[in-house]
Amino acid sequence: MCYNTDWLLPVAEKTVSNTLIKGSTKIRLVVIWMGTNDSVLEGMPSGQHVPIARYKKNLLAMYSLYPSNIPTIFITPTPFRHDIWRDRDPEVTAEYGEAAKDLAKELGISVVDSQKEFKGKELAPLLSDGLHLKPAGYE
């Protein structure tokens, strides 16, 4: 089972705080790529569902952990094979992507729209289990 933003936020807060306290100057870019698990349909056994408003709030909290001089990019939730992952709905996942894009616009940061990048592509060769990317999916 993978993280949603509710589960990742406390880990990120501790990790980022410890990294910044130690004076790391090696952070050159922050990529926040969340939402696929948040968008699991409400009531599914995994318990991964996060309401979209809280998802957006969590993204903002993660973004706010880093100094403003470090560039940050959001990546929207990637498409998945609904024939394999029945606990998700492509349209709902796309709504989470829209929320991430809206927040990125509000913050004035870059966003990669994975829904747009994968549109019209055959997903099977790009996804290892119908959800997670194979190396070819990153190209």
N, C-alpha and C. Protein backbone atom coordinates (compact mmCIF):
# COMPACT_ATOMS: atom_id res chain seq x y z
N MET A 1 0.85 -1.17 0.00
CA MET A 1 0.00 0.00 0.00
C MET A 1 0.89 1.24 0.00
N CYS A 2 0.52 2.22 -0.77
CA CYS A 2 1.30 3.44 -0.90
C CYS A 2 0.63 4.58 -0.14
N TYR A 3 1.35 5.67 -0.02
CA TYR A 3 0.89 6.82 0.75
C TYR A 3 -0.14 7.66 0.03
N ASN A 4 -0.98 8.30 0.82
CA ASN A 4 -1.80 9.41 0.35
C ASN A 4 -1.24 10.66 1.04
N THR A 5 -1.81 11.83 0.78
CA THR A 5 -1.24 13.05 1.36
C THR A 5 -1.42 13.11 2.87
N ASP A 6 -2.50 12.54 3.40
CA ASP A 6 -2.68 12.52 4.86
C ASP A 6 -1.56 11.75 5.54
N TRP A 7 -1.17 10.63 4.95
CA TRP A 7 -0.14 9.77 5.55
C TRP A 7 1.26 10.33 5.31
N LEU A 8 1.47 10.97 4.17
CA LEU A 8 2.80 11.49 3.85
C LEU A 8 3.12 12.79 4.57
N LEU A 9 2.15 13.62 4.80
CA LEU A 9 2.42 14.95 5.36
C LEU A 9 3.21 14.89 6.68
N PRO A 10 2.84 14.08 7.67
CA PRO A 10 3.63 14.06 8.90
C PRO A 10 5.07 13.57 8.68
N VAL A 11 5.23 12.63 7.78
CA VAL A 11 6.58 12.13 7.45
C VAL A 11 7.38 13.24 6.78
N ALA A 12 6.76 13.94 5.85
CA ALA A 12 7.44 15.03 5.14
C ALA A 12 7.81 16.15 6.11
N GLU A 13 6.90 16.47 7.02
CA GLU A 13 7.19 17.54 7.98
C GLU A 13 8.45 17.21 8.79
N LYS A 14 8.53 16.00 9.27
CA LYS A 14 9.69 15.60 10.07
C LYS A 14 10.97 15.54 9.22
N THR A 15 10.87 14.92 8.07
CA THR A 15 12.03 14.75 7.20
C THR A 15 12.56 16.09 6.71
N VAL A 16 11.68 16.93 6.22
CA VAL A 16 12.11 18.23 5.68
C VAL A 16 12.66 19.10 6.79
N SER A 17 12.01 19.11 7.93
CA SER A 17 12.48 19.89 9.06
C SER A 17 13.89 19.48 9.46
N ASN A 18 14.12 18.18 9.57
CA ASN A 18 15.45 17.67 9.94
C ASN A 18 16.49 18.03 8.89
N THR A 19 16.11 17.95 7.62
CA THR A 19 17.04 18.28 6.53
C THR A 19 17.41 19.76 6.57
N LEU A 20 16.41 20.62 6.76
CA LEU A 20 16.67 22.05 6.76
C LEU A 20 17.41 22.49 8.02
N ILE A 21 17.12 21.85 9.15
CA ILE A 21 17.83 22.18 10.39
C ILE A 21 19.31 21.86 10.25
N LYS A 22 19.62 20.79 9.56
CA LYS A 22 21.02 20.41 9.36
C LYS A 22 21.72 21.31 8.34
N GLY A 23 20.98 22.26 7.79
CA GLY A 23 21.59 23.24 6.90
C GLY A 23 21.88 22.73 5.51
N SER A 24 21.12 21.77 5.05
CA SER A 24 21.37 21.23 3.72
C SER A 24 21.15 22.30 2.66
N THR A 25 22.13 22.47 1.84
CA THR A 25 22.00 23.39 0.71
C THR A 25 21.95 22.61 -0.59
N LYS A 26 21.76 21.31 -0.48
CA LYS A 26 21.78 20.47 -1.66
C LYS A 26 20.41 20.35 -2.33
N ILE A 27 19.37 20.85 -1.69
CA ILE A 27 18.04 20.77 -2.29
C ILE A 27 17.97 21.78 -3.43
N ARG A 28 17.82 21.27 -4.64
CA ARG A 28 17.79 22.13 -5.82
C ARG A 28 16.39 22.23 -6.43
N LEU A 29 15.58 21.22 -6.17
CA LEU A 29 14.25 21.16 -6.76
C LEU A 29 13.38 20.26 -5.90
N VAL A 30 12.14 20.65 -5.71
CA VAL A 30 11.17 19.83 -5.00
C VAL A 30 10.09 19.42 -5.99
N VAL A 31 9.82 18.13 -6.05
CA VAL A 31 8.75 17.60 -6.90
C VAL A 31 7.73 16.95 -5.98
N ILE A 32 6.50 17.43 -6.05
CA ILE A 32 5.41 16.86 -5.25
C ILE A 32 4.46 16.18 -6.22
N TRP A 33 4.43 14.86 -6.15
CA TRP A 33 3.66 14.04 -7.08
C TRP A 33 2.73 13.16 -6.25
N MET A 34 1.57 13.67 -5.97
CA MET A 34 0.62 12.98 -5.10
C MET A 34 -0.79 13.08 -5.70
N GLY A 35 -1.66 12.21 -5.22
CA GLY A 35 -3.06 12.33 -5.60
C GLY A 35 -3.71 11.06 -6.09
N THR A 36 -2.93 10.16 -6.64
CA THR A 36 -3.53 8.93 -7.17
C THR A 36 -4.18 8.13 -6.05
N ASN A 37 -3.51 8.00 -4.93
CA ASN A 37 -4.09 7.26 -3.81
C ASN A 37 -5.13 8.08 -3.06
N ASP A 38 -4.96 9.39 -3.01
CA ASP A 38 -5.97 10.25 -2.38
C ASP A 38 -7.32 10.09 -3.09
N SER A 39 -7.26 9.87 -4.40
CA SER A 39 -8.48 9.83 -5.20
C SER A 39 -9.17 8.46 -5.21
N VAL A 40 -8.65 7.51 -4.43
CA VAL A 40 -9.36 6.23 -4.30
C VAL A 40 -10.78 6.54 -3.85
N LEU A 41 -11.72 5.82 -4.36
CA LEU A 41 -13.12 6.10 -4.05
C LEU A 41 -13.39 5.96 -2.55
N GLU A 42 -14.21 6.85 -2.05
CA GLU A 42 -14.57 6.84 -0.63
C GLU A 42 -15.20 5.51 -0.24
N GLY A 43 -14.82 4.99 0.91
CA GLY A 43 -15.40 3.75 1.41
C GLY A 43 -14.67 2.49 0.97
N MET A 44 -13.62 2.63 0.16
CA MET A 44 -12.86 1.46 -0.27
C MET A 44 -12.04 0.92 0.92
N PRO A 45 -11.80 -0.40 0.93
CA PRO A 45 -11.12 -1.03 2.07
C PRO A 45 -9.72 -0.49 2.37
N SER A 46 -9.04 0.07 1.40
CA SER A 46 -7.68 0.55 1.63
C SER A 46 -7.64 1.74 2.59
N GLY A 47 -8.76 2.44 2.70
CA GLY A 47 -8.80 3.62 3.56
C GLY A 47 -7.95 4.77 3.05
N GLN A 48 -7.59 4.76 1.79
CA GLN A 48 -6.69 5.77 1.23
C GLN A 48 -7.39 7.06 0.81
N HIS A 49 -8.70 7.04 0.68
CA HIS A 49 -9.42 8.22 0.19
C HIS A 49 -9.16 9.44 1.07
N VAL A 50 -8.85 10.56 0.42
CA VAL A 50 -8.73 11.85 1.08
C VAL A 50 -9.65 12.80 0.32
N PRO A 51 -10.58 13.47 0.99
CA PRO A 51 -11.44 14.41 0.27
C PRO A 51 -10.61 15.46 -0.47
N ILE A 52 -11.12 15.87 -1.60
CA ILE A 52 -10.34 16.72 -2.50
C ILE A 52 -9.90 18.04 -1.84
N ALA A 53 -10.76 18.64 -1.01
CA ALA A 53 -10.38 19.89 -0.34
C ALA A 53 -9.20 19.65 0.61
N ARG A 54 -9.21 18.53 1.33
CA ARG A 54 -8.10 18.23 2.24
C ARG A 54 -6.84 17.87 1.45
N TYR A 55 -7.01 17.19 0.33
CA TYR A 55 -5.87 16.89 -0.56
C TYR A 55 -5.17 18.19 -0.96
N LYS A 56 -5.95 19.16 -1.39
CA LYS A 56 -5.39 20.44 -1.82
C LYS A 56 -4.71 21.15 -0.63
N LYS A 57 -5.33 21.09 0.54
CA LYS A 57 -4.75 21.68 1.75
C LYS A 57 -3.43 20.98 2.10
N ASN A 58 -3.39 19.66 1.96
CA ASN A 58 -2.17 18.90 2.23
C ASN A 58 -1.05 19.25 1.25
N LEU A 59 -1.42 19.41 -0.03
CA LEU A 59 -0.41 19.83 -1.03
C LEU A 59 0.19 21.18 -0.64
N LEU A 60 -0.67 22.11 -0.23
CA LEU A 60 -0.20 23.42 0.18
C LEU A 60 0.73 23.30 1.39
N ALA A 61 0.37 22.45 2.34
CA ALA A 61 1.21 22.25 3.52
C ALA A 61 2.57 21.68 3.13
N MET A 62 2.59 20.73 2.19
CA MET A 62 3.86 20.16 1.74
C MET A 62 4.70 21.22 1.02
N TYR A 63 4.07 21.97 0.16
CA TYR A 63 4.77 23.05 -0.54
C TYR A 63 5.36 24.04 0.45
N SER A 64 4.62 24.35 1.50
CA SER A 64 5.03 25.36 2.48
C SER A 64 6.18 24.90 3.37
N LEU A 65 6.52 23.63 3.34
CA LEU A 65 7.62 23.12 4.16
C LEU A 65 8.98 23.63 3.68
N TYR A 66 9.06 23.98 2.41
CA TYR A 66 10.34 24.34 1.80
C TYR A 66 10.49 25.85 1.69
N PRO A 67 11.71 26.35 1.78
CA PRO A 67 11.93 27.78 1.56
C PRO A 67 11.47 28.17 0.15
N SER A 68 10.98 29.37 0.03
CA SER A 68 10.42 29.83 -1.25
C SER A 68 11.45 29.95 -2.36
N ASN A 69 12.74 29.94 -2.01
CA ASN A 69 13.76 30.06 -3.06
C ASN A 69 14.09 28.71 -3.72
N ILE A 70 13.47 27.63 -3.23
CA ILE A 70 13.68 26.32 -3.85
C ILE A 70 12.54 26.08 -4.84
N PRO A 71 12.84 25.92 -6.12
CA PRO A 71 11.77 25.68 -7.10
C PRO A 71 11.00 24.40 -6.77
N THR A 72 9.69 24.48 -6.96
CA THR A 72 8.81 23.34 -6.70
C THR A 72 7.94 23.09 -7.91
N ILE A 73 7.74 21.81 -8.19
CA ILE A 73 6.88 21.38 -9.30
C ILE A 73 5.86 20.40 -8.73
N PHE A 74 4.62 20.57 -9.11
CA PHE A 74 3.59 19.57 -8.83
C PHE A 74 3.46 18.69 -10.07
N ILE A 75 3.21 17.41 -9.84
CA ILE A 75 2.84 16.49 -10.92
C ILE A 75 1.47 15.95 -10.56
N THR A 76 0.56 16.03 -11.51
CA THR A 76 -0.80 15.56 -11.25
C THR A 76 -0.83 14.03 -11.21
N PRO A 77 -1.86 13.47 -10.58
CA PRO A 77 -1.98 12.01 -10.54
C PRO A 77 -1.97 11.42 -11.94
N THR A 78 -1.25 10.33 -12.08
CA THR A 78 -1.15 9.69 -13.39
C THR A 78 -2.39 8.85 -13.68
N PRO A 79 -2.69 8.67 -14.95
CA PRO A 79 -3.76 7.75 -15.32
C PRO A 79 -3.39 6.33 -14.90
N PHE A 80 -4.36 5.49 -14.86
CA PHE A 80 -4.17 4.10 -14.45
C PHE A 80 -5.12 3.22 -15.25
N ARG A 81 -4.93 1.93 -15.15
CA ARG A 81 -5.81 0.99 -15.85
C ARG A 81 -6.99 0.64 -14.94
N HIS A 82 -8.13 1.17 -15.31
CA HIS A 82 -9.34 0.97 -14.50
C HIS A 82 -9.80 -0.48 -14.53
N ASP A 83 -9.41 -1.21 -15.55
CA ASP A 83 -9.78 -2.63 -15.61
C ASP A 83 -9.06 -3.43 -14.52
N ILE A 84 -7.97 -2.90 -13.99
CA ILE A 84 -7.22 -3.55 -12.92
C ILE A 84 -7.53 -2.90 -11.57
N TRP A 85 -7.55 -1.59 -11.54
CA TRP A 85 -7.75 -0.83 -10.30
C TRP A 85 -9.19 -0.34 -10.23
N ARG A 86 -10.07 -1.18 -9.74
CA ARG A 86 -11.51 -0.88 -9.71
C ARG A 86 -11.91 0.01 -8.51
N ASP A 87 -10.96 0.27 -7.62
CA ASP A 87 -11.25 1.12 -6.46
C ASP A 87 -11.06 2.60 -6.78
N ARG A 88 -10.84 2.88 -8.05
CA ARG A 88 -10.60 4.26 -8.51
C ARG A 88 -11.46 4.54 -9.73
N ASP A 89 -11.68 5.80 -9.98
CA ASP A 89 -12.45 6.22 -11.15
C ASP A 89 -11.60 7.26 -11.89
N PRO A 90 -11.35 7.05 -13.17
CA PRO A 90 -10.50 7.99 -13.92
C PRO A 90 -10.99 9.44 -13.85
N GLU A 91 -12.29 9.64 -13.86
CA GLU A 91 -12.82 11.01 -13.81
C GLU A 91 -12.56 11.65 -12.45
N VAL A 92 -12.68 10.87 -11.40
CA VAL A 92 -12.40 11.39 -10.06
C VAL A 92 -10.92 11.73 -9.93
N THR A 93 -10.06 10.84 -10.41
CA THR A 93 -8.62 11.10 -10.36
C THR A 93 -8.27 12.35 -11.16
N ALA A 94 -8.92 12.55 -12.27
CA ALA A 94 -8.70 13.76 -13.08
C ALA A 94 -9.09 15.02 -12.29
N GLU A 95 -10.13 14.93 -11.46
CA GLU A 95 -10.54 16.07 -10.62
C GLU A 95 -9.44 16.43 -9.63
N TYR A 96 -8.76 15.43 -9.09
CA TYR A 96 -7.64 15.69 -8.19
C TYR A 96 -6.50 16.36 -8.95
N GLY A 97 -6.32 15.95 -10.18
CA GLY A 97 -5.32 16.61 -11.02
C GLY A 97 -5.66 18.07 -11.25
N GLU A 98 -6.93 18.35 -11.47
CA GLU A 98 -7.36 19.74 -11.65
C GLU A 98 -7.11 20.55 -10.39
N ALA A 99 -7.34 19.94 -9.22
CA ALA A 99 -7.09 20.63 -7.95
C ALA A 99 -5.61 20.97 -7.81
N ALA A 100 -4.74 20.03 -8.19
CA ALA A 100 -3.30 20.28 -8.13
C ALA A 100 -2.91 21.40 -9.10
N LYS A 101 -3.49 21.38 -10.30
CA LYS A 101 -3.19 22.44 -11.27
C LYS A 101 -3.67 23.79 -10.78
N ASP A 102 -4.85 23.82 -10.18
CA ASP A 102 -5.39 25.08 -9.65
C ASP A 102 -4.48 25.64 -8.56
N LEU A 103 -4.03 24.77 -7.66
CA LEU A 103 -3.16 25.23 -6.57
C LEU A 103 -1.82 25.70 -7.13
N ALA A 104 -1.26 24.98 -8.08
CA ALA A 104 0.00 25.40 -8.70
C ALA A 104 -0.15 26.79 -9.32
N LYS A 105 -1.26 27.02 -9.97
CA LYS A 105 -1.50 28.33 -10.58
C LYS A 105 -1.58 29.41 -9.51
N GLU A 106 -2.30 29.11 -8.41
CA GLU A 106 -2.42 30.07 -7.30
C GLU A 106 -1.04 30.40 -6.72
N LEU A 107 -0.19 29.40 -6.63
CA LEU A 107 1.14 29.57 -6.03
C LEU A 107 2.17 30.11 -7.02
N GLY A 108 1.82 30.08 -8.30
CA GLY A 108 2.75 30.55 -9.32
C GLY A 108 3.90 29.59 -9.56
N ILE A 109 3.62 28.28 -9.42
CA ILE A 109 4.67 27.29 -9.65
C ILE A 109 4.31 26.42 -10.85
N SER A 110 5.28 25.65 -11.30
CA SER A 110 5.09 24.79 -12.46
C SER A 110 4.31 23.53 -12.09
N VAL A 111 3.65 22.99 -13.08
CA VAL A 111 2.92 21.74 -12.90
C VAL A 111 3.06 20.90 -14.16
N VAL A 112 3.23 19.61 -13.97
CA VAL A 112 3.22 18.67 -15.09
C VAL A 112 1.87 17.98 -15.04
N ASP A 113 1.12 18.11 -16.11
CA ASP A 113 -0.20 17.50 -16.20
C ASP A 113 -0.04 16.10 -16.78
N SER A 114 0.08 15.10 -15.91
CA SER A 114 0.31 13.74 -16.40
C SER A 114 -0.88 13.20 -17.18
N GLN A 115 -2.09 13.65 -16.85
CA GLN A 115 -3.26 13.22 -17.61
C GLN A 115 -3.10 13.63 -19.07
N LYS A 116 -2.63 14.86 -19.28
CA LYS A 116 -2.42 15.37 -20.63
C LYS A 116 -1.27 14.64 -21.32
N GLU A 117 -0.19 14.40 -20.57
CA GLU A 117 1.00 13.74 -21.13
C GLU A 117 0.70 12.31 -21.58
N PHE A 118 -0.20 11.63 -20.87
CA PHE A 118 -0.50 10.23 -21.19
C PHE A 118 -1.72 10.08 -22.10
N LYS A 119 -2.40 11.16 -22.38
CA LYS A 119 -3.63 11.09 -23.18
C LYS A 119 -3.38 10.43 -24.53
N GLY A 120 -4.21 9.45 -24.85
CA GLY A 120 -4.12 8.77 -26.13
C GLY A 120 -3.06 7.70 -26.20
N LYS A 121 -2.31 7.50 -25.13
CA LYS A 121 -1.26 6.48 -25.13
C LYS A 121 -1.79 5.17 -24.55
N GLU A 122 -1.29 4.08 -25.07
CA GLU A 122 -1.59 2.76 -24.52
C GLU A 122 -0.89 2.66 -23.17
N LEU A 123 -1.65 2.42 -22.10
CA LEU A 123 -1.08 2.43 -20.76
C LEU A 123 -0.35 1.14 -20.38
N ALA A 124 -0.77 0.02 -20.92
CA ALA A 124 -0.18 -1.27 -20.51
C ALA A 124 1.35 -1.29 -20.61
N PRO A 125 1.95 -0.80 -21.70
CA PRO A 125 3.41 -0.83 -21.77
C PRO A 125 4.10 0.16 -20.84
N LEU A 126 3.34 1.09 -20.28
CA LEU A 126 3.92 2.15 -19.46
C LEU A 126 3.77 1.91 -17.96
N LEU A 127 2.87 1.00 -17.58
CA LEU A 127 2.55 0.77 -16.17
C LEU A 127 2.89 -0.65 -15.77
N SER A 128 3.61 -0.81 -14.67
CA SER A 128 4.05 -2.15 -14.26
C SER A 128 2.90 -3.00 -13.73
N ASP A 129 1.97 -2.39 -13.04
CA ASP A 129 0.86 -3.12 -12.43
C ASP A 129 -0.48 -2.46 -12.72
N GLY A 130 -0.48 -1.64 -13.74
CA GLY A 130 -1.69 -0.91 -14.08
C GLY A 130 -1.81 0.43 -13.38
N LEU A 131 -0.85 0.71 -12.48
CA LEU A 131 -0.88 1.95 -11.71
C LEU A 131 0.49 2.64 -11.65
N HIS A 132 1.51 1.88 -11.31
CA HIS A 132 2.86 2.42 -11.13
C HIS A 132 3.64 2.36 -12.44
N LEU A 133 4.43 3.40 -12.68
CA LEU A 133 5.14 3.50 -13.94
C LEU A 133 6.28 2.53 -14.06
N LYS A 134 6.42 1.99 -15.26
CA LYS A 134 7.62 1.26 -15.67
C LYS A 134 8.62 2.32 -16.13
N PRO A 135 9.87 1.95 -16.35
CA PRO A 135 10.83 2.94 -16.88
C PRO A 135 10.32 3.65 -18.13
N ALA A 136 9.65 2.93 -19.02
CA ALA A 136 9.13 3.56 -20.23
C ALA A 136 8.10 4.64 -19.92
N GLY A 137 7.42 4.52 -18.80
CA GLY A 137 6.41 5.51 -18.41
C GLY A 137 7.00 6.84 -18.01
N TYR A 138 8.27 6.84 -17.65
CA TYR A 138 8.94 8.08 -17.26
C TYR A 138 9.52 8.84 -18.44
N GLU A 139 9.53 8.20 -19.61
CA GLU A 139 10.14 8.86 -20.77
C GLU A 139 9.23 9.90 -21.38
